[in-house]
PDB file of N, CA and C in Angstrom:
ATOM      1  N   UNK A   1     -15.428 -27.743 -40.855  1.00  0.00           N
ATOM      2  CA  UNK A   1     -15.590 -26.613 -40.170  1.00  0.00           C
ATOM      3  C   UNK A   1     -14.491 -25.832 -39.760  1.00  0.00           C
ATOM      4  N   UNK A   2     -13.907 -25.009 -40.704  1.00  0.00           N
ATOM      5  CA  UNK A   2     -12.659 -24.311 -40.408  1.00  0.00           C
ATOM      6  C   UNK A   2     -12.932 -23.046 -39.618  1.00  0.00           C
ATOM      7  N   UNK A   3     -12.115 -22.909 -38.628  1.00  0.00           N
ATOM      8  CA  UNK A   3     -12.294 -22.085 -37.668  1.00  0.00           C
ATOM      9  C   UNK A   3     -12.447 -20.382 -37.991  1.00  0.00           C
ATOM     10  N   UNK A   4     -12.004 -20.095 -39.310  1.00  0.00           N
ATOM     11  CA  UNK A   4     -12.250 -18.837 -39.904  1.00  0.00           C
ATOM     12  C   UNK A   4     -13.786 -18.413 -40.027  1.00  0.00           C
ATOM     13  N   UNK A   5     -14.325 -19.685 -40.167  1.00  0.00           N
ATOM     14  CA  UNK A   5     -15.862 -19.059 -40.455  1.00  0.00           C
ATOM     15  C   UNK A   5     -16.555 -18.655 -39.356  1.00  0.00           C
ATOM     16  N   UNK A   6     -15.995 -19.062 -37.952  1.00  0.00           N
ATOM     17  CA  UNK A   6     -16.736 -18.733 -36.620  1.00  0.00           C
ATOM     18  C   UNK A   6     -16.157 -16.959 -36.600  1.00  0.00           C
ATOM     19  N   UNK A   7     -15.066 -16.812 -36.924  1.00  0.00           N
ATOM     20  CA  UNK A   7     -14.322 -15.581 -36.766  1.00  0.00           C
ATOM     21  C   UNK A   7     -14.968 -14.480 -37.835  1.00  0.00           C
ATOM     22  N   UNK A   8     -15.368 -15.079 -38.946  1.00  0.00           N
ATOM     23  CA  UNK A   8     -16.108 -14.345 -40.030  1.00  0.00           C
ATOM     24  C   UNK A   8     -17.472 -14.035 -39.530  1.00  0.00           C
ATOM     25  N   UNK A   9     -18.380 -15.076 -38.932  1.00  0.00           N
ATOM     26  CA  UNK A   9     -19.747 -14.747 -38.644  1.00  0.00           C
ATOM     27  C   UNK A   9     -19.615 -13.872 -37.417  1.00  0.00           C
ATOM     28  N   UNK A  10     -18.886 -13.911 -36.509  1.00  0.00           N
ATOM     29  CA  UNK A  10     -18.656 -13.007 -35.506  1.00  0.00           C
ATOM     30  C   UNK A  10     -18.476 -11.518 -35.743  1.00  0.00           C
ATOM     31  N   UNK A  11     -17.436 -11.463 -36.555  1.00  0.00           N
ATOM     32  CA  UNK A  11     -17.201  -9.986 -37.219  1.00  0.00           C
ATOM     33  C   UNK A  11     -18.375  -9.553 -37.893  1.00  0.00           C
ATOM     34  N   UNK A  12     -18.877 -10.366 -38.909  1.00  0.00           N
ATOM     35  CA  UNK A  12     -20.034  -9.770 -39.386  1.00  0.00           C
ATOM     36  C   UNK A  12     -21.145  -9.310 -38.639  1.00  0.00           C
ATOM     37  N   UNK A  13     -21.401 -10.146 -37.771  1.00  0.00           N
ATOM     38  CA  UNK A  13     -22.489  -9.964 -36.896  1.00  0.00           C
ATOM     39  C   UNK A  13     -22.391  -8.869 -35.811  1.00  0.00           C
ATOM     40  N   UNK A  14     -21.236  -8.354 -35.498  1.00  0.00           N
ATOM     41  CA  UNK A  14     -20.791  -7.449 -34.728  1.00  0.00           C
ATOM     42  C   UNK A  14     -20.929  -5.989 -35.565  1.00  0.00           C
ATOM     43  N   UNK A  15     -20.215  -6.186 -36.876  1.00  0.00           N
ATOM     44  CA  UNK A  15     -20.444  -4.953 -37.569  1.00  0.00           C
ATOM     45  C   UNK A  15     -21.994  -4.727 -38.108  1.00  0.00           C
ATOM     46  N   UNK A  16     -22.726  -5.748 -38.411  1.00  0.00           N
ATOM     47  CA  UNK A  16     -24.060  -5.456 -38.579  1.00  0.00           C
ATOM     48  C   UNK A  16     -24.816  -4.802 -37.407  1.00  0.00           C
ATOM     49  N   UNK A  17     -24.549  -5.297 -36.206  1.00  0.00           N
ATOM     50  CA  UNK A  17     -25.149  -4.591 -34.885  1.00  0.00           C
ATOM     51  C   UNK A  17     -24.761  -3.175 -34.833  1.00  0.00           C
ATOM     52  N   UNK A  18     -23.464  -3.030 -35.142  1.00  0.00           N
ATOM     53  CA  UNK A  18     -22.997  -1.517 -35.370  1.00  0.00           C
ATOM     54  C   UNK A  18     -23.701  -0.696 -36.419  1.00  0.00           C
ATOM     55  N   UNK A  19     -24.096  -1.015 -37.209  1.00  0.00           N
ATOM     56  CA  UNK A  19     -24.717  -0.682 -38.349  1.00  0.00           C
ATOM     57  C   UNK A  19     -26.051  -0.058 -38.197  1.00  0.00           C
ATOM     58  N   UNK A  20     -26.620  -1.366 -37.693  1.00  0.00           N
ATOM     59  CA  UNK A  20     -28.090  -0.932 -37.127  1.00  0.00           C
ATOM     60  C   UNK A  20     -28.135  -0.004 -36.054  1.00  0.00           C
ATOM     61  N   UNK A  21     -27.275   0.076 -35.060  1.00  0.00           N
ATOM     62  CA  UNK A  21     -27.231   1.025 -34.155  1.00  0.00           C
ATOM     63  C   UNK A  21     -27.068   2.469 -34.838  1.00  0.00           C
ATOM     64  N   UNK A  22     -25.971   2.324 -35.518  1.00  0.00           N
ATOM     65  CA  UNK A  22     -25.821   3.653 -36.347  1.00  0.00           C
ATOM     66  C   UNK A  22     -27.127   4.265 -36.986  1.00  0.00           C
ATOM     67  N   UNK A  23     -27.724   3.270 -37.744  1.00  0.00           N
ATOM     68  CA  UNK A  23     -28.924   3.668 -38.423  1.00  0.00           C
ATOM     69  C   UNK A  23     -29.912   4.166 -37.605  1.00  0.00           C
ATOM     70  N   UNK A  24     -30.202   3.890 -36.515  1.00  0.00           N
ATOM     71  CA  UNK A  24     -31.100   4.124 -35.396  1.00  0.00           C
ATOM     72  C   UNK A  24     -30.698   5.495 -35.045  1.00  0.00           C
ATOM     73  N   UNK A  25     -29.616   5.889 -34.821  1.00  0.00           N
ATOM     74  CA  UNK A  25     -29.065   7.124 -34.422  1.00  0.00           C
ATOM     75  C   UNK A  25     -28.971   8.081 -35.272  1.00  0.00           C
ATOM     76  N   UNK A  26     -28.729   8.020 -36.546  1.00  0.00           N
ATOM     77  CA  UNK A  26     -28.614   8.712 -37.515  1.00  0.00           C
ATOM     78  C   UNK A  26     -29.513   8.264 -38.982  1.00  0.00           C
ATOM     79  N   UNK A  27     -29.898   8.972 -39.717  1.00  0.00           N
ATOM     80  CA  UNK A  27     -30.718   8.369 -40.926  1.00  0.00           C
ATOM     81  C   UNK A  27     -29.564   8.130 -42.181  1.00  0.00           C
ATOM     82  N   UNK A  28     -28.607   8.890 -42.045  1.00  0.00           N
ATOM     83  CA  UNK A  28     -27.459   8.828 -43.198  1.00  0.00           C
ATOM     84  C   UNK A  28     -26.095   8.492 -42.403  1.00  0.00           C
ATOM     85  N   UNK A  29     -25.003   8.080 -43.430  1.00  0.00           N
ATOM     86  CA  UNK A  29     -23.849   7.987 -42.990  1.00  0.00           C
ATOM     87  C   UNK A  29     -22.930   8.985 -43.676  1.00  0.00           C
ATOM     88  N   UNK A  30     -21.916   9.253 -42.721  1.00  0.00           N
ATOM     89  CA  UNK A  30     -21.050  10.433 -43.275  1.00  0.00           C
ATOM     90  C   UNK A  30     -19.686   9.641 -43.282  1.00  0.00           C
ATOM     91  N   UNK A  31     -18.666  10.125 -43.721  1.00  0.00           N
ATOM     92  CA  UNK A  31     -17.315   9.582 -43.862  1.00  0.00           C
ATOM     93  C   UNK A  31     -16.860   9.135 -42.614  1.00  0.00           C
ATOM     94  N   UNK A  32     -17.082   9.696 -41.491  1.00  0.00           N
ATOM     95  CA  UNK A  32     -16.596   9.233 -40.266  1.00  0.00           C
ATOM     96  C   UNK A  32     -17.173   7.730 -39.822  1.00  0.00           C
ATOM     97  N   UNK A  33     -18.653   7.689 -40.027  1.00  0.00           N
ATOM     98  CA  UNK A  33     -19.369   6.672 -39.589  1.00  0.00           C
ATOM     99  C   UNK A  33     -18.737   5.379 -40.563  1.00  0.00           C
ATOM    100  N   UNK A  34     -18.737   5.662 -41.754  1.00  0.00           N
ATOM    101  CA  UNK A  34     -17.986   4.474 -42.609  1.00  0.00           C
ATOM    102  C   UNK A  34     -16.644   4.033 -42.261  1.00  0.00           C
ATOM    103  N   UNK A  35     -15.918   4.968 -41.904  1.00  0.00           N
ATOM    104  CA  UNK A  35     -14.449   4.676 -41.382  1.00  0.00           C
ATOM    105  C   UNK A  35     -14.578   3.806 -40.191  1.00  0.00           C
ATOM    106  N   UNK A  36     -15.399   4.241 -39.243  1.00  0.00           N
ATOM    107  CA  UNK A  36     -15.475   3.657 -38.120  1.00  0.00           C
ATOM    108  C   UNK A  36     -16.139   2.014 -38.099  1.00  0.00           C
ATOM    109  N   UNK A  37     -16.999   1.977 -38.935  1.00  0.00           N
ATOM    110  CA  UNK A  37     -17.571   0.602 -39.431  1.00  0.00           C
ATOM    111  C   UNK A  37     -16.353  -0.294 -39.972  1.00  0.00           C
ATOM    112  N   UNK A  38     -15.752   0.313 -40.825  1.00  0.00           N
ATOM    113  CA  UNK A  38     -14.778  -0.417 -41.417  1.00  0.00           C
ATOM    114  C   UNK A  38     -13.762  -0.658 -40.601  1.00  0.00           C
ATOM    115  N   UNK A  39     -13.521  -0.144 -39.581  1.00  0.00           N
ATOM    116  CA  UNK A  39     -12.360  -0.407 -38.710  1.00  0.00           C
ATOM    117  C   UNK A  39     -12.727  -1.413 -37.711  1.00  0.00           C
ATOM    118  N   UNK A  40     -13.806  -1.793 -37.359  1.00  0.00           N
ATOM    119  CA  UNK A  40     -14.220  -2.774 -36.674  1.00  0.00           C
ATOM    120  C   UNK A  40     -14.156  -4.216 -36.727  1.00  0.00           C
ATOM    121  N   UNK A  41     -14.458  -4.524 -38.039  1.00  0.00           N
ATOM    122  CA  UNK A  41     -14.260  -5.998 -38.598  1.00  0.00           C
ATOM    123  C   UNK A  41     -12.965  -6.323 -38.556  1.00  0.00           C
ATOM    124  N   UNK A  42     -11.720  -5.373 -38.991  1.00  0.00           N
ATOM    125  CA  UNK A  42     -10.515  -6.113 -39.057  1.00  0.00           C
ATOM    126  C   UNK A  42     -10.006  -6.348 -37.501  1.00  0.00           C
ATOM    127  N   UNK A  43     -10.616  -5.402 -36.457  1.00  0.00           N
ATOM    128  CA  UNK A  43     -10.051  -5.765 -35.124  1.00  0.00           C
ATOM    129  C   UNK A  43     -10.850  -7.080 -34.565  1.00  0.00           C
ATOM    130  N   UNK A  44     -11.845  -7.221 -34.901  1.00  0.00           N
ATOM    131  CA  UNK A  44     -12.732  -8.448 -34.384  1.00  0.00           C
ATOM    132  C   UNK A  44     -12.423  -9.574 -34.895  1.00  0.00           C
ATOM    133  N   UNK A  45     -11.939  -9.949 -36.190  1.00  0.00           N
ATOM    134  CA  UNK A  45     -11.775 -11.158 -37.051  1.00  0.00           C
ATOM    135  C   UNK A  45     -10.659 -11.684 -36.165  1.00  0.00           C
ATOM    136  N   UNK A  46      -9.529 -11.245 -36.242  1.00  0.00           N
ATOM    137  CA  UNK A  46      -8.409 -12.067 -35.577  1.00  0.00           C
ATOM    138  C   UNK A  46      -8.217 -12.221 -33.921  1.00  0.00           C
ATOM    139  N   UNK A  47      -9.255 -11.352 -33.408  1.00  0.00           N
ATOM    140  CA  UNK A  47      -9.232 -11.548 -31.817  1.00  0.00           C
ATOM    141  C   UNK A  47     -10.387 -12.109 -31.128  1.00  0.00           C
ATOM    142  N   UNK A  48     -11.463 -12.490 -31.895  1.00  0.00           N
ATOM    143  CA  UNK A  48     -12.824 -13.018 -31.459  1.00  0.00           C
ATOM    144  C   UNK A  48     -12.690 -14.412 -30.661  1.00  0.00           C
ATOM    145  N   UNK A  49     -11.487 -14.934 -31.182  1.00  0.00           N
ATOM    146  CA  UNK A  49     -11.248 -16.259 -30.390  1.00  0.00           C
ATOM    147  C   UNK A  49     -10.881 -16.199 -28.881  1.00  0.00           C
ATOM    148  N   UNK A  50     -10.307 -15.021 -28.704  1.00  0.00           N
ATOM    149  CA  UNK A  50     -10.035 -14.896 -27.274  1.00  0.00           C
ATOM    150  C   UNK A  50     -11.284 -15.000 -26.336  1.00  0.00           C
ATOM    151  N   UNK A  51     -12.414 -14.914 -26.740  1.00  0.00           N
ATOM    152  CA  UNK A  51     -13.688 -15.025 -25.951  1.00  0.00           C
ATOM    153  C   UNK A  51     -13.768 -16.736 -25.576  1.00  0.00           C
ATOM    154  N   UNK A  52     -13.316 -17.458 -26.412  1.00  0.00           N
ATOM    155  CA  UNK A  52     -13.244 -18.950 -26.197  1.00  0.00           C
ATOM    156  C   UNK A  52     -12.346 -19.466 -25.119  1.00  0.00           C
ATOM    157  N   UNK A  53     -11.443 -18.315 -24.615  1.00  0.00           N
ATOM    158  CA  UNK A  53     -10.743 -18.807 -23.407  1.00  0.00           C
ATOM    159  C   UNK A  53     -11.484 -19.120 -22.097  1.00  0.00           C
ATOM    160  N   UNK A  54     -12.595 -18.615 -21.914  1.00  0.00           N
ATOM    161  CA  UNK A  54     -13.353 -18.768 -20.819  1.00  0.00           C
ATOM    162  C   UNK A  54     -14.035 -20.214 -21.032  1.00  0.00           C
ATOM    163  N   UNK A  55     -14.243 -20.790 -21.854  1.00  0.00           N
ATOM    164  CA  UNK A  55     -14.801 -22.196 -22.242  1.00  0.00           C
ATOM    165  C   UNK A  55     -13.931 -23.258 -22.547  1.00  0.00           C
ATOM    166  N   UNK A  56     -12.597 -23.371 -22.362  1.00  0.00           N
ATOM    167  CA  UNK A  56     -11.709 -24.242 -22.669  1.00  0.00           C
ATOM    168  C   UNK A  56     -12.187 -25.676 -22.450  1.00  0.00           C
ATOM    169  N   UNK A  57     -12.494 -25.760 -21.170  1.00  0.00           N
ATOM    170  CA  UNK A  57     -12.968 -27.226 -20.629  1.00  0.00           C
ATOM    171  C   UNK A  57     -14.261 -27.772 -21.653  1.00  0.00           C
ATOM    172  N   UNK A  58     -15.282 -26.935 -21.879  1.00  0.00           N
ATOM    173  CA  UNK A  58     -16.270 -27.159 -22.814  1.00  0.00           C
ATOM    174  C   UNK A  58     -15.860 -27.525 -24.110  1.00  0.00           C
ATOM    175  N   UNK A  59     -14.957 -26.633 -24.695  1.00  0.00           N
ATOM    176  CA  UNK A  59     -14.237 -26.858 -25.994  1.00  0.00           C
ATOM    177  C   UNK A  59     -13.457 -28.281 -26.091  1.00  0.00           C
ATOM    178  N   UNK A  60     -12.558 -28.535 -24.977  1.00  0.00           N
ATOM    179  CA  UNK A  60     -12.040 -29.712 -25.046  1.00  0.00           C
ATOM    180  C   UNK A  60     -12.944 -31.101 -24.845  1.00  0.00           C
ATOM    181  N   UNK A  61     -14.181 -30.946 -24.273  1.00  0.00           N
ATOM    182  CA  UNK A  61     -15.039 -31.867 -24.376  1.00  0.00           C
ATOM    183  C   UNK A  61     -15.744 -32.231 -25.596  1.00  0.00           C
ATOM    184  N   UNK A  62     -15.966 -31.103 -26.264  1.00  0.00           N
ATOM    185  CA  UNK A  62     -16.641 -31.320 -27.591  1.00  0.00           C
ATOM    186  C   UNK A  62     -15.440 -31.675 -28.720  1.00  0.00           C
ATOM    187  N   UNK A  63     -14.364 -31.594 -28.364  1.00  0.00           N
ATOM    188  CA  UNK A  63     -13.408 -31.901 -29.497  1.00  0.00           C
ATOM    189  C   UNK A  63     -12.925 -30.682 -30.160  1.00  0.00           C
ATOM    190  N   UNK A  64     -13.253 -29.560 -29.891  1.00  0.00           N
ATOM    191  CA  UNK A  64     -12.772 -28.392 -30.598  1.00  0.00           C
ATOM    192  C   UNK A  64     -11.139 -28.179 -30.336  1.00  0.00           C
ATOM    193  N   UNK A  65     -10.738 -27.563 -31.386  1.00  0.00           N
ATOM    194  CA  UNK A  65      -9.107 -27.514 -31.330  1.00  0.00           C
ATOM    195  C   UNK A  65      -9.010 -25.730 -31.339  1.00  0.00           C
ATOM    196  N   UNK A  66      -9.447 -25.089 -30.289  1.00  0.00           N
ATOM    197  CA  UNK A  66      -9.151 -23.591 -30.259  1.00  0.00           C
ATOM    198  C   UNK A  66      -7.674 -23.322 -29.854  1.00  0.00           C
ATOM    199  N   UNK A  67      -7.422 -22.233 -30.305  1.00  0.00           N
ATOM    200  CA  UNK A  67      -6.174 -21.445 -29.998  1.00  0.00           C
ATOM    201  C   UNK A  67      -5.739 -21.548 -28.463  1.00  0.00           C
ATOM    202  N   UNK A  68      -6.635 -21.317 -27.555  1.00  0.00           N
ATOM    203  CA  UNK A  68      -6.401 -21.416 -25.986  1.00  0.00           C
ATOM    204  C   UNK A  68      -5.978 -23.088 -25.681  1.00  0.00           C
ATOM    205  N   UNK A  69      -6.433 -23.705 -26.369  1.00  0.00           N
ATOM    206  CA  UNK A  69      -6.252 -25.290 -26.263  1.00  0.00           C
ATOM    207  C   UNK A  69      -4.840 -25.756 -26.666  1.00  0.00           C
ATOM    208  N   UNK A  70      -4.658 -25.212 -28.091  1.00  0.00           N
ATOM    209  CA  UNK A  70      -3.535 -25.749 -28.855  1.00  0.00           C
ATOM    210  C   UNK A  70      -2.345 -25.088 -28.334  1.00  0.00           C
ATOM    211  N   UNK A  71      -2.366 -23.692 -27.961  1.00  0.00           N
ATOM    212  CA  UNK A  71      -1.327 -22.910 -27.594  1.00  0.00           C
ATOM    213  C   UNK A  71      -1.891 -22.264 -26.519  1.00  0.00           C
ATOM    214  N   UNK A  72      -1.874 -22.448 -25.154  1.00  0.00           N
ATOM    215  CA  UNK A  72      -2.367 -21.524 -24.102  1.00  0.00           C
ATOM    216  C   UNK A  72      -1.636 -20.444 -23.908  1.00  0.00           C
ATOM    217  N   UNK A  73      -0.357 -20.517 -23.666  1.00  0.00           N
ATOM    218  CA  UNK A  73       0.457 -19.380 -23.587  1.00  0.00           C
ATOM    219  C   UNK A  73       0.550 -18.551 -24.799  1.00  0.00           C
ATOM    220  N   UNK A  74       0.742 -19.062 -25.931  1.00  0.00           N
ATOM    221  CA  UNK A  74       1.279 -18.430 -27.091  1.00  0.00           C
ATOM    222  C   UNK A  74      -0.361 -17.668 -27.502  1.00  0.00           C
ATOM    223  N   UNK A  75      -1.228 -18.100 -27.236  1.00  0.00           N
ATOM    224  CA  UNK A  75      -2.574 -17.390 -27.574  1.00  0.00           C
ATOM    225  C   UNK A  75      -2.742 -16.118 -26.836  1.00  0.00           C
ATOM    226  N   UNK A  76      -2.427 -16.090 -25.587  1.00  0.00           N
ATOM    227  CA  UNK A  76      -2.331 -14.672 -24.703  1.00  0.00           C
ATOM    228  C   UNK A  76      -1.339 -13.862 -25.514  1.00  0.00           C
ATOM    229  N   UNK A  77      -0.124 -14.090 -25.839  1.00  0.00           N
ATOM    230  CA  UNK A  77       0.763 -13.362 -26.346  1.00  0.00           C
ATOM    231  C   UNK A  77       0.200 -13.081 -27.825  1.00  0.00           C
ATOM    232  N   UNK A  78      -0.338 -13.665 -28.556  1.00  0.00           N
ATOM    233  CA  UNK A  78      -0.779 -13.428 -29.725  1.00  0.00           C
ATOM    234  C   UNK A  78      -1.928 -12.274 -29.790  1.00  0.00           C
ATOM    235  N   UNK A  79      -2.943 -12.776 -28.830  1.00  0.00           N
ATOM    236  CA  UNK A  79      -3.843 -11.476 -28.626  1.00  0.00           C
ATOM    237  C   UNK A  79      -3.491 -10.196 -28.221  1.00  0.00           C
ATOM    238  N   UNK A  80      -2.453 -10.157 -27.322  1.00  0.00           N
ATOM    239  CA  UNK A  80      -1.874  -9.045 -26.765  1.00  0.00           C
ATOM    240  C   UNK A  80      -1.240  -8.209 -27.896  1.00  0.00           C
ATOM    241  N   UNK A  81      -0.296  -8.892 -28.840  1.00  0.00           N
ATOM    242  CA  UNK A  81       0.421  -8.458 -29.775  1.00  0.00           C
ATOM    243  C   UNK A  81      -0.473  -7.947 -31.018  1.00  0.00           C
ATOM    244  N   UNK A  82      -1.497  -8.648 -31.118  1.00  0.00           N
ATOM    245  CA  UNK A  82      -2.422  -8.453 -32.330  1.00  0.00           C
ATOM    246  C   UNK A  82      -3.228  -7.126 -31.975  1.00  0.00           C
ATOM    247  N   UNK A  83      -3.796  -7.114 -30.642  1.00  0.00           N
ATOM    248  CA  UNK A  83      -4.346  -5.886 -30.250  1.00  0.00           C
ATOM    249  C   UNK A  83      -3.426  -4.555 -30.272  1.00  0.00           C
ATOM    250  N   UNK A  84      -2.213  -4.798 -29.620  1.00  0.00           N
ATOM    251  CA  UNK A  84      -1.247  -3.549 -29.776  1.00  0.00           C
ATOM    252  C   UNK A  84      -0.986  -3.221 -31.088  1.00  0.00           C
ATOM    253  N   UNK A  85      -1.021  -4.157 -32.089  1.00  0.00           N
ATOM    254  CA  UNK A  85      -0.676  -3.641 -33.532  1.00  0.00           C
ATOM    255  C   UNK A  85      -2.047  -2.799 -34.070  1.00  0.00           C
ATOM    256  N   UNK A  86      -3.134  -3.227 -33.919  1.00  0.00           N
ATOM    257  CA  UNK A  86      -4.374  -2.698 -34.052  1.00  0.00           C
ATOM    258  C   UNK A  86      -4.624  -1.236 -33.413  1.00  0.00           C
ATOM    259  N   UNK A  87      -4.014  -1.212 -32.169  1.00  0.00           N
ATOM    260  CA  UNK A  87      -4.307   0.120 -31.550  1.00  0.00           C
ATOM    261  C   UNK A  87      -3.315   1.218 -32.292  1.00  0.00           C
ATOM    262  N   UNK A  88      -1.955   0.741 -32.580  1.00  0.00           N
ATOM    263  CA  UNK A  88      -1.225   1.701 -33.126  1.00  0.00           C
ATOM    264  C   UNK A  88      -1.697   1.941 -34.544  1.00  0.00           C
ATOM    265  N   UNK A  89      -2.308   0.973 -35.416  1.00  0.00           N
ATOM    266  CA  UNK A  89      -2.660   1.140 -36.644  1.00  0.00           C
ATOM    267  C   UNK A  89      -3.941   2.136 -36.613  1.00  0.00           C
ATOM    268  N   UNK A  90      -5.012   1.905 -35.599  1.00  0.00           N
ATOM    269  CA  UNK A  90      -6.112   2.789 -35.558  1.00  0.00           C
ATOM    270  C   UNK A  90      -5.742   4.206 -35.202  1.00  0.00           C
ATOM    271  N   UNK A  91      -4.850   4.282 -34.365  1.00  0.00           N
ATOM    272  CA  UNK A  91      -4.497   5.734 -33.925  1.00  0.00           C
ATOM    273  C   UNK A  91      -3.759   6.576 -35.085  1.00  0.00           C
ATOM    274  N   UNK A  92      -3.148   5.640 -35.906  1.00  0.00           N
ATOM    275  CA  UNK A  92      -2.416   6.233 -37.116  1.00  0.00           C
ATOM    276  C   UNK A  92      -3.557   6.559 -38.123  1.00  0.00           C
ATOM    277  N   UNK A  93      -4.544   5.628 -38.348  1.00  0.00           N
ATOM    278  CA  UNK A  93      -5.643   5.898 -39.070  1.00  0.00           C
ATOM    279  C   UNK A  93      -6.426   6.951 -38.997  1.00  0.00           C
ATOM    280  N   UNK A  94      -6.656   7.228 -37.545  1.00  0.00           N
ATOM    281  CA  UNK A  94      -7.563   8.467 -37.075  1.00  0.00           C
ATOM    282  C   UNK A  94      -6.661   9.709 -37.053  1.00  0.00           C
ATOM    283  N   UNK A  95      -5.311   9.518 -37.020  1.00  0.00           N
ATOM    284  CA  UNK A  95      -4.498  10.519 -37.129  1.00  0.00           C
ATOM    285  C   UNK A  95      -4.594  11.461 -35.756  1.00  0.00           C
ATOM    286  N   UNK A  96      -4.367  10.327 -34.679  1.00  0.00           N
ATOM    287  CA  UNK A  96      -4.284  10.956 -33.381  1.00  0.00           C
ATOM    288  C   UNK A  96      -2.927  11.601 -32.978  1.00  0.00           C
ATOM    289  N   UNK A  97      -3.046  12.482 -32.145  1.00  0.00           N
ATOM    290  CA  UNK A  97      -1.657  13.308 -31.686  1.00  0.00           C
ATOM    291  C   UNK A  97      -1.001  12.303 -30.707  1.00  0.00           C
ATOM    292  N   UNK A  98       0.039  12.547 -30.328  1.00  0.00           N
ATOM    293  CA  UNK A  98       0.969  11.693 -29.393  1.00  0.00           C
ATOM    294  C   UNK A  98       0.365  11.433 -28.073  1.00  0.00           C
ATOM    295  N   UNK A  99      -0.303  12.355 -27.361  1.00  0.00           N
ATOM    296  CA  UNK A  99      -0.739  11.973 -26.029  1.00  0.00           C
ATOM    297  C   UNK A  99      -1.966  11.140 -26.125  1.00  0.00           C
ATOM    298  N   UNK A 100      -3.068  11.557 -27.193  1.00  0.00           N
ATOM    299  CA  UNK A 100      -4.224  10.569 -27.256  1.00  0.00           C
ATOM    300  C   UNK A 100      -3.723   9.129 -27.757  1.00  0.00           C
ATOM    301  N   UNK A 101      -2.733   9.220 -28.489  1.00  0.00           N
ATOM    302  CA  UNK A 101      -2.358   7.942 -29.111  1.00  0.00           C
ATOM    303  C   UNK A 101      -1.816   7.073 -27.761  1.00  0.00           C
ATOM    304  N   UNK A 102      -0.916   7.607 -26.953  1.00  0.00           N
ATOM    305  CA  UNK A 102      -0.310   6.775 -25.713  1.00  0.00           C
ATOM    306  C   UNK A 102      -1.651   6.580 -24.777  1.00  0.00           C
ATOM    307  N   UNK A 103      -2.515   7.560 -24.707  1.00  0.00           N
ATOM    308  CA  UNK A 103      -3.797   7.107 -23.831  1.00  0.00           C
ATOM    309  C   UNK A 103      -4.499   5.918 -24.554  1.00  0.00           C
ATOM    310  N   UNK A 104      -4.739   5.918 -25.425  1.00  0.00           N
ATOM    311  CA  UNK A 104      -5.547   4.940 -26.443  1.00  0.00           C
ATOM    312  C   UNK A 104      -4.848   3.579 -26.240  1.00  0.00           C
ATOM    313  N   UNK A 105      -3.480   3.512 -26.406  1.00  0.00           N
ATOM    314  CA  UNK A 105      -2.789   2.114 -26.607  1.00  0.00           C
ATOM    315  C   UNK A 105      -2.714   1.699 -25.060  1.00  0.00           C
ATOM    316  N   UNK A 106      -2.367   2.641 -23.962  1.00  0.00           N
ATOM    317  CA  UNK A 106      -2.355   2.186 -22.855  1.00  0.00           C
ATOM    318  C   UNK A 106      -3.464   1.806 -22.092  1.00  0.00           C
ATOM    319  N   UNK A 107      -4.498   2.330 -22.455  1.00  0.00           N
ATOM    320  CA  UNK A 107      -5.847   1.872 -21.821  1.00  0.00           C
ATOM    321  C   UNK A 107      -6.395   0.468 -22.646  1.00  0.00           C
ATOM    322  N   UNK A 108      -6.085   0.350 -23.854  1.00  0.00           N
ATOM    323  CA  UNK A 108      -6.416  -0.717 -24.634  1.00  0.00           C
ATOM    324  C   UNK A 108      -5.489  -2.052 -24.078  1.00  0.00           C
ATOM    325  N   UNK A 109      -4.375  -1.770 -23.684  1.00  0.00           N
ATOM    326  CA  UNK A 109      -3.481  -2.799 -23.239  1.00  0.00           C
ATOM    327  C   UNK A 109      -3.686  -3.265 -21.734  1.00  0.00           C
ATOM    328  N   UNK A 110      -4.046  -2.176 -21.047  1.00  0.00           N
ATOM    329  CA  UNK A 110      -4.629  -2.639 -19.640  1.00  0.00           C
ATOM    330  C   UNK A 110      -5.843  -3.450 -19.698  1.00  0.00           C
ATOM    331  N   UNK A 111      -6.698  -3.442 -20.668  1.00  0.00           N
ATOM    332  CA  UNK A 111      -7.910  -4.137 -20.798  1.00  0.00           C
ATOM    333  C   UNK A 111      -7.429  -5.601 -20.907  1.00  0.00           C
TER     334      UNK A 111
END
């Protein structure tokens, strides 16, 4: 059981959910829809394990070696840095101007 499979399944599930929601709202995809869907998986894939922080005790009892168990402080720093990197990359990808970029990154960092 390699931990990447859980991340891949979660990212695939989230993108599939977004795809279904998008198809309900509109019958066809335009370039913006495809770009938005293609941005979701790269953000979810390396950060989904952050949801495991809430169940550290259960993971320990079951013998799992999640990032919050192996490196409690390091996992927090990793998630913060990974998300900041993705915010900057997405702002660049969507060609946001400076003020929206600063707002986007600051709101994401606050969460």
